[in-house]
Structures are given as C-alpha cells and as structure tokens.
Amino acid sequence: MDYLANQFGVRRNNSTDIQEYTTNIIEKICNSLYCGQILFIYVELYSPDVEDTFLVWFIKQLWNPLISRLLEQLSNQDPSIRVLAVIAVDGQVPEDCLPQDLYCGCRPEDFDSTKILEIPLETWTEEEIRNWLFNFSGLTDPKIGLSISEINRMAKSIFAASYGGLPARVYDELKKQLKDVINYKFEQYSISQ
C-alpha cells in the first residue's frame, strides 16, 4: 500500500484507518489517469499461507473500489484508460486463501474484472530456453555474435540453475546471464578500441 501511495503522492495521516488510506490512494489514482493511459499494478507474493488475507483484501478493498470509481469517472468520458494488476505468487495459492467466488473462469465468456484470473506458469524445458535464446535474446545478432554451441551451453546452464525450469528462476537466470554476456562483449569492444 505504501508503495502505491508514494507513487501517487498520498501521505499517510497519523490515523491507522486503512480504509481511509486506501480510499485516498484510489482517488489520487483516478484523478491522475487520463485518456489512453495504462495503469499497471504489479505485486509479488512469496508463498501465501492459509491465514493470509492479502488477496481477499486486494480484490475487495482496493481493486473493486478502484474499478468502480474509474467506471463512474469514465462514464462521461472516453473509456480508453486500461488498468491491469498482476499478482505474481511464488508457489501455489492455498485453496482457503482465496474464496472460490473471487476466481473467474478461464474461458473468455467467464471473464469478470472484479475477480482474479489465474494464469499458471509451467516449468520451462531446456529446449524452450534454447529456443527463446535463439529467437528473442538478440544473442545471434552479429554485434554480439554468440555461436550455436555457446547458446546451447547457456541454455543448459540456465536450465540447471533454475531448478529444472521454474519460471521465476529461469527469468532471474536469463537476466543474470544476458547481463554477463553484454558486459563481457562491451569489455571486449572497449579493449579493442
């Protein structure tokens, strides 16, 4: 909450009333958005337990009031403001952590913006990591020029370091190894100049 408040310049009063604080943040967000903008809220949770009430609070106290307020505000305006929230959870969300009535189905006709849409991430295979490196990393660009065998070794290394392809670990390892390659290539370039 404090992060969102800081991003939108909302100061926490000495009051401990979390609802008032949340309402002030929602108002500030709504008043700062204008036609064509996208608001992206990203929250990372590490292994919520059964007693964790954050997801219920997020939906009922922040998300739904925010969406309702935006819809009310936009009823007389161009409704091209987009709001997206991603809650990345490291592991499974316990069933008791979020009531079933707050989940929406996966089919397009079941979508409900007042509920959570679960998008599970599957583990990556070494081949998928290799394909990503070849197709999207830019490592085959002549300016970087990694060979096929170097990219294959990198894919094998990333897969091993990611505990068998866990998505969050693949992401972290991709970032680390791509940064290392870029730094190494930059040093080589600097030395040759």
C-alpha atoms as a PDB file:
ATOM      1  CA  MET A   1       0.000   0.000   0.000  1.00  0.00           C
ATOM      2  CA  ASP A   2       2.725   2.422   0.967  1.00  0.00           C
ATOM      3  CA  TYR A   3       4.459   1.865  -2.377  1.00  0.00           C
ATOM      4  CA  LEU A   4       1.289   2.782  -4.302  1.00  0.00           C
ATOM      5  CA  ALA A   5       0.727   5.758  -2.011  1.00  0.00           C
ATOM      6  CA  ASN A   6       4.266   7.012  -2.622  1.00  0.00           C
ATOM      7  CA  GLN A   7       3.893   6.595  -6.387  1.00  0.00           C
ATOM      8  CA  PHE A   8       0.806   8.818  -6.383  1.00  0.00           C
ATOM      9  CA  GLY A   9       1.905  11.281  -3.694  1.00  0.00           C
ATOM     10  CA  VAL A  10      -0.525  10.205  -0.987  1.00  0.00           C
ATOM     11  CA  ARG A  11       0.656  10.788   2.553  1.00  0.00           C
ATOM     12  CA  ARG A  12      -0.441   8.502   5.335  1.00  0.00           C
ATOM     13  CA  ASN A  13      -2.174  10.517   8.059  1.00  0.00           C
ATOM     14  CA  ASN A  14      -1.464   9.674  11.665  1.00  0.00           C
ATOM     15  CA  SER A  15      -4.723   7.754  11.509  1.00  0.00           C
ATOM     16  CA  THR A  16      -4.494   3.984  11.438  1.00  0.00           C
ATOM     17  CA  ASP A  17      -7.686   3.736   9.367  1.00  0.00           C
ATOM     18  CA  ILE A  18      -6.562   1.571   6.454  1.00  0.00           C
ATOM     19  CA  GLN A  19      -9.858   2.083   4.609  1.00  0.00           C
ATOM     20  CA  GLU A  20      -9.450   5.865   4.596  1.00  0.00           C
ATOM     21  CA  TYR A  21      -5.857   5.448   3.424  1.00  0.00           C
ATOM     22  CA  THR A  22      -6.978   3.078   0.640  1.00  0.00           C
ATOM     23  CA  THR A  23      -9.767   5.450  -0.434  1.00  0.00           C
ATOM     24  CA  ASN A  24      -7.308   8.351  -0.635  1.00  0.00           C
ATOM     25  CA  ILE A  25      -4.995   6.276  -2.826  1.00  0.00           C
ATOM     26  CA  ILE A  26      -7.875   5.242  -5.111  1.00  0.00           C
ATOM     27  CA  GLU A  27      -8.985   8.864  -5.501  1.00  0.00           C
ATOM     28  CA  LYS A  28      -5.477  10.026  -6.297  1.00  0.00           C
ATOM     29  CA  ILE A  29      -5.026   7.235  -8.878  1.00  0.00           C
ATOM     30  CA  CYS A  30      -8.346   8.025 -10.559  1.00  0.00           C
ATOM     31  CA  ASN A  31      -7.635  11.748 -10.658  1.00  0.00           C
ATOM     32  CA  SER A  32      -4.217  11.220 -12.212  1.00  0.00           C
ATOM     33  CA  LEU A  33      -5.311   8.997 -15.119  1.00  0.00           C
ATOM     34  CA  TYR A  34      -6.374  10.400 -18.446  1.00  0.00           C
ATOM     35  CA  CYS A  35      -7.426   9.166 -21.857  1.00  0.00           C
ATOM     36  CA  GLY A  36      -5.207   6.482 -23.342  1.00  0.00           C
ATOM     37  CA  GLN A  37      -3.200   5.734 -20.212  1.00  0.00           C
ATOM     38  CA  ILE A  38      -2.409   2.282 -18.871  1.00  0.00           C
ATOM     39  CA  LEU A  39      -2.081   1.673 -15.133  1.00  0.00           C
ATOM     40  CA  PHE A  40      -0.090  -1.464 -14.372  1.00  0.00           C
ATOM     41  CA  ILE A  41      -0.012  -2.701 -10.773  1.00  0.00           C
ATOM     42  CA  TYR A  42       2.484  -5.462 -10.020  1.00  0.00           C
ATOM     43  CA  VAL A  43       2.535  -7.285  -6.685  1.00  0.00           C
ATOM     44  CA  GLU A  44       4.873 -10.129  -5.820  1.00  0.00           C
ATOM     45  CA  LEU A  45       3.854 -12.589  -3.085  1.00  0.00           C
ATOM     46  CA  TYR A  46       6.050 -15.263  -1.624  1.00  0.00           C
ATOM     47  CA  SER A  47       4.219 -18.419  -0.584  1.00  0.00           C
ATOM     48  CA  PRO A  48       0.999 -17.096   0.974  1.00  0.00           C
ATOM     49  CA  ASP A  49      -0.392 -19.305   3.729  1.00  0.00           C
ATOM     50  CA  VAL A  50      -3.981 -20.159   4.582  1.00  0.00           C
ATOM     51  CA  GLU A  51      -4.268 -17.260   7.050  1.00  0.00           C
ATOM     52  CA  ASP A  52      -3.039 -14.721   4.515  1.00  0.00           C
ATOM     53  CA  THR A  53      -5.845 -12.254   3.761  1.00  0.00           C
ATOM     54  CA  PHE A  54      -3.967 -10.066   1.264  1.00  0.00           C
ATOM     55  CA  LEU A  55      -5.664 -11.452  -1.869  1.00  0.00           C
ATOM     56  CA  VAL A  56      -9.156 -11.005  -0.431  1.00  0.00           C
ATOM     57  CA  TRP A  57      -8.227  -7.505   0.766  1.00  0.00           C
ATOM     58  CA  PHE A  58      -6.705  -6.631  -2.604  1.00  0.00           C
ATOM     59  CA  ILE A  59      -9.843  -7.645  -4.527  1.00  0.00           C
ATOM     60  CA  LYS A  60     -12.491  -6.345  -2.127  1.00  0.00           C
ATOM     61  CA  GLN A  61     -10.844  -3.251  -0.665  1.00  0.00           C
ATOM     62  CA  LEU A  62      -8.553  -1.980  -3.421  1.00  0.00           C
ATOM     63  CA  TRP A  63      -9.251  -3.490  -6.847  1.00  0.00           C
ATOM     64  CA  ASN A  64     -13.051  -3.480  -6.949  1.00  0.00           C
ATOM     65  CA  PRO A  65     -13.405   0.035  -5.447  1.00  0.00           C
ATOM     66  CA  LEU A  66     -10.730   1.278  -7.876  1.00  0.00           C
ATOM     67  CA  ILE A  67     -12.517  -0.209 -10.888  1.00  0.00           C
ATOM     68  CA  SER A  68     -15.927   1.047  -9.690  1.00  0.00           C
ATOM     69  CA  ARG A  69     -14.559   4.547  -9.174  1.00  0.00           C
ATOM     70  CA  LEU A  70     -12.864   4.546 -12.586  1.00  0.00           C
ATOM     71  CA  LEU A  71     -16.043   3.343 -14.324  1.00  0.00           C
ATOM     72  CA  GLU A  72     -18.018   6.066 -12.571  1.00  0.00           C
ATOM     73  CA  GLN A  73     -15.450   8.688 -13.557  1.00  0.00           C
ATOM     74  CA  LEU A  74     -15.247   7.478 -17.153  1.00  0.00           C
ATOM     75  CA  SER A  75     -18.984   7.200 -17.770  1.00  0.00           C
ATOM     76  CA  ASN A  76     -18.952  10.623 -19.412  1.00  0.00           C
ATOM     77  CA  GLN A  77     -15.501  10.385 -20.967  1.00  0.00           C
ATOM     78  CA  ASP A  78     -13.553   8.317 -23.470  1.00  0.00           C
ATOM     79  CA  PRO A  79     -13.138   4.973 -21.689  1.00  0.00           C
ATOM     80  CA  SER A  80      -9.719   4.210 -23.153  1.00  0.00           C
ATOM     81  CA  ILE A  81      -7.936   4.005 -19.790  1.00  0.00           C
ATOM     82  CA  ARG A  82      -6.679   0.476 -19.148  1.00  0.00           C
ATOM     83  CA  VAL A  83      -5.968  -0.931 -15.704  1.00  0.00           C
ATOM     84  CA  LEU A  84      -4.132  -4.195 -15.193  1.00  0.00           C
ATOM     85  CA  ALA A  85      -2.955  -5.840 -11.997  1.00  0.00           C
ATOM     86  CA  VAL A  86      -0.614  -8.801 -11.878  1.00  0.00           C
ATOM     87  CA  ILE A  87      -0.106 -10.656  -8.643  1.00  0.00           C
ATOM     88  CA  ALA A  88       2.853 -12.993  -9.049  1.00  0.00           C
ATOM     89  CA  VAL A  89       2.831 -15.765  -6.476  1.00  0.00           C
ATOM     90  CA  ASP A  90       5.867 -17.904  -5.830  1.00  0.00           C
ATOM     91  CA  GLY A  91       4.230 -21.312  -5.457  1.00  0.00           C
ATOM     92  CA  GLN A  92       0.639 -22.441  -5.121  1.00  0.00           C
ATOM     93  CA  VAL A  93      -2.079 -20.292  -3.541  1.00  0.00           C
ATOM     94  CA  PRO A  94      -3.739 -22.365  -0.798  1.00  0.00           C
ATOM     95  CA  GLU A  95      -7.414 -23.003  -1.571  1.00  0.00           C
ATOM     96  CA  ASP A  96      -8.522 -21.398   1.708  1.00  0.00           C
ATOM     97  CA  CYS A  97      -6.501 -18.254   0.969  1.00  0.00           C
ATOM     98  CA  LEU A  98      -8.965 -17.040  -1.666  1.00  0.00           C
ATOM     99  CA  PRO A  99     -12.659 -17.991  -1.757  1.00  0.00           C
ATOM    100  CA  GLN A 100     -13.864 -19.617  -4.980  1.00  0.00           C
ATOM    101  CA  ASP A 101     -16.294 -16.774  -5.630  1.00  0.00           C
ATOM    102  CA  LEU A 102     -13.325 -14.445  -6.188  1.00  0.00           C
ATOM    103  CA  TYR A 103     -11.902 -16.548  -9.032  1.00  0.00           C
ATOM    104  CA  CYS A 104     -13.165 -16.141 -12.570  1.00  0.00           C
ATOM    105  CA  GLY A 105     -13.119 -18.908 -15.145  1.00  0.00           C
ATOM    106  CA  CYS A 106     -10.506 -19.233 -17.841  1.00  0.00           C
ATOM    107  CA  ARG A 107     -12.841 -19.012 -20.830  1.00  0.00           C
ATOM    108  CA  PRO A 108     -13.303 -15.550 -22.386  1.00  0.00           C
ATOM    109  CA  GLU A 109     -17.037 -15.590 -21.653  1.00  0.00           C
ATOM    110  CA  ASP A 110     -16.318 -16.261 -17.941  1.00  0.00           C
ATOM    111  CA  PHE A 111     -14.041 -13.240 -17.528  1.00  0.00           C
ATOM    112  CA  ASP A 112     -15.056 -10.889 -14.720  1.00  0.00           C
ATOM    113  CA  SER A 113     -12.906  -7.834 -13.985  1.00  0.00           C
ATOM    114  CA  THR A 114     -13.895  -7.962 -10.313  1.00  0.00           C
ATOM    115  CA  LYS A 115     -12.259 -11.362  -9.807  1.00  0.00           C
ATOM    116  CA  ILE A 116      -8.861 -12.997 -10.095  1.00  0.00           C
ATOM    117  CA  LEU A 117      -7.937 -14.809 -13.291  1.00  0.00           C
ATOM    118  CA  GLU A 118      -5.314 -17.428 -12.534  1.00  0.00           C
ATOM    119  CA  ILE A 119      -2.679 -17.884 -15.206  1.00  0.00           C
ATOM    120  CA  PRO A 120      -0.445 -20.731 -14.056  1.00  0.00           C
ATOM    121  CA  LEU A 121       3.106 -20.789 -15.378  1.00  0.00           C
ATOM    122  CA  GLU A 122       4.545 -24.120 -16.377  1.00  0.00           C
ATOM    123  CA  THR A 123       8.169 -25.055 -15.949  1.00  0.00           C
ATOM    124  CA  TRP A 124      10.423 -24.410 -18.934  1.00  0.00           C
ATOM    125  CA  THR A 125      12.273 -27.197 -20.666  1.00  0.00           C
ATOM    126  CA  GLU A 126      15.882 -26.799 -21.710  1.00  0.00           C
ATOM    127  CA  GLU A 127      14.700 -26.791 -25.324  1.00  0.00           C
ATOM    128  CA  GLU A 128      12.227 -23.938 -24.652  1.00  0.00           C
ATOM    129  CA  ILE A 129      15.001 -21.915 -23.022  1.00  0.00           C
ATOM    130  CA  ARG A 130      17.263 -22.611 -26.009  1.00  0.00           C
ATOM    131  CA  ASN A 131      14.517 -21.598 -28.466  1.00  0.00           C
ATOM    132  CA  TRP A 132      13.900 -18.395 -26.530  1.00  0.00           C
ATOM    133  CA  LEU A 133      17.608 -17.563 -26.566  1.00  0.00           C
ATOM    134  CA  PHE A 134      17.806 -18.124 -30.328  1.00  0.00           C
ATOM    135  CA  ASN A 135      14.572 -16.321 -31.198  1.00  0.00           C
ATOM    136  CA  PHE A 136      14.279 -13.434 -28.744  1.00  0.00           C
ATOM    137  CA  SER A 137      17.512 -12.692 -26.870  1.00  0.00           C
ATOM    138  CA  GLY A 138      19.430 -10.999 -29.678  1.00  0.00           C
ATOM    139  CA  LEU A 139      22.480 -13.147 -28.928  1.00  0.00           C
ATOM    140  CA  THR A 140      22.764 -14.203 -32.567  1.00  0.00           C
ATOM    141  CA  ASP A 141      22.987 -10.584 -33.708  1.00  0.00           C
ATOM    142  CA  PRO A 142      26.333 -10.031 -35.452  1.00  0.00           C
ATOM    143  CA  LYS A 143      27.246  -7.335 -32.904  1.00  0.00           C
ATOM    144  CA  ILE A 144      27.077  -9.930 -30.124  1.00  0.00           C
ATOM    145  CA  GLY A 145      27.757 -12.981 -32.244  1.00  0.00           C
ATOM    146  CA  LEU A 146      27.401 -15.929 -29.894  1.00  0.00           C
ATOM    147  CA  SER A 147      27.845 -19.259 -31.608  1.00  0.00           C
ATOM    148  CA  ILE A 148      25.281 -22.044 -31.613  1.00  0.00           C
ATOM    149  CA  SER A 149      27.388 -24.059 -29.163  1.00  0.00           C
ATOM    150  CA  GLU A 150      27.700 -21.046 -26.796  1.00  0.00           C
ATOM    151  CA  ILE A 151      23.928 -20.537 -26.811  1.00  0.00           C
ATOM    152  CA  ASN A 152      23.380 -24.266 -26.266  1.00  0.00           C
ATOM    153  CA  ARG A 153      25.737 -24.154 -23.250  1.00  0.00           C
ATOM    154  CA  MET A 154      23.901 -21.098 -21.926  1.00  0.00           C
ATOM    155  CA  ALA A 155      20.521 -22.856 -22.241  1.00  0.00           C
ATOM    156  CA  LYS A 156      21.889 -25.901 -20.402  1.00  0.00           C
ATOM    157  CA  SER A 157      23.350 -23.657 -17.671  1.00  0.00           C
ATOM    158  CA  ILE A 158      20.115 -21.664 -17.258  1.00  0.00           C
ATOM    159  CA  PHE A 159      18.048 -24.824 -17.051  1.00  0.00           C
ATOM    160  CA  ALA A 160      20.349 -26.309 -14.398  1.00  0.00           C
ATOM    161  CA  ALA A 161      20.436 -23.088 -12.342  1.00  0.00           C
ATOM    162  CA  SER A 162      16.650 -22.720 -12.486  1.00  0.00           C
ATOM    163  CA  TYR A 163      15.918 -25.915 -10.556  1.00  0.00           C
ATOM    164  CA  GLY A 164      14.547 -27.682 -13.600  1.00  0.00           C
ATOM    165  CA  GLY A 165      12.918 -24.715 -15.325  1.00  0.00           C
ATOM    166  CA  LEU A 166      10.979 -22.929 -12.561  1.00  0.00           C
ATOM    167  CA  PRO A 167       9.672 -19.778 -14.293  1.00  0.00           C
ATOM    168  CA  ALA A 168      10.863 -17.234 -11.714  1.00  0.00           C
ATOM    169  CA  ARG A 169      14.298 -18.876 -11.589  1.00  0.00           C
ATOM    170  CA  VAL A 170      14.510 -19.013 -15.398  1.00  0.00           C
ATOM    171  CA  TYR A 171      13.712 -15.294 -15.511  1.00  0.00           C
ATOM    172  CA  ASP A 172      16.350 -14.438 -12.891  1.00  0.00           C
ATOM    173  CA  GLU A 173      18.987 -16.598 -14.550  1.00  0.00           C
ATOM    174  CA  LEU A 174      18.198 -15.251 -18.026  1.00  0.00           C
ATOM    175  CA  LYS A 175      18.650 -11.703 -16.749  1.00  0.00           C
ATOM    176  CA  LYS A 176      21.898 -12.590 -14.996  1.00  0.00           C
ATOM    177  CA  GLN A 177      23.460 -14.457 -17.899  1.00  0.00           C
ATOM    178  CA  LEU A 178      22.335 -11.974 -20.553  1.00  0.00           C
ATOM    179  CA  LYS A 179      23.781  -9.142 -18.468  1.00  0.00           C
ATOM    180  CA  ASP A 180      27.053 -11.084 -18.116  1.00  0.00           C
ATOM    181  CA  VAL A 181      27.274 -11.634 -21.888  1.00  0.00           C
ATOM    182  CA  ILE A 182      26.549  -7.985 -22.663  1.00  0.00           C
ATOM    183  CA  ASN A 183      29.119  -6.799 -20.097  1.00  0.00           C
ATOM    184  CA  TYR A 184      31.734  -9.196 -21.466  1.00  0.00           C
ATOM    185  CA  LYS A 185      31.104  -8.104 -25.052  1.00  0.00           C
ATOM    186  CA  PHE A 186      31.241  -4.442 -24.006  1.00  0.00           C
ATOM    187  CA  GLU A 187      34.595  -5.012 -22.263  1.00  0.00           C
ATOM    188  CA  GLN A 188      35.945  -6.762 -25.388  1.00  0.00           C
ATOM    189  CA  TYR A 189      34.783  -3.863 -27.522  1.00  0.00           C
ATOM    190  CA  SER A 190      36.333  -1.301 -25.138  1.00  0.00           C
ATOM    191  CA  ILE A 191      39.687  -3.118 -25.149  1.00  0.00           C
ATOM    192  CA  SER A 192      39.766  -3.317 -28.948  1.00  0.00           C
ATOM    193  CA  GLN A 193      39.206   0.439 -29.268  1.00  0.00           C
END
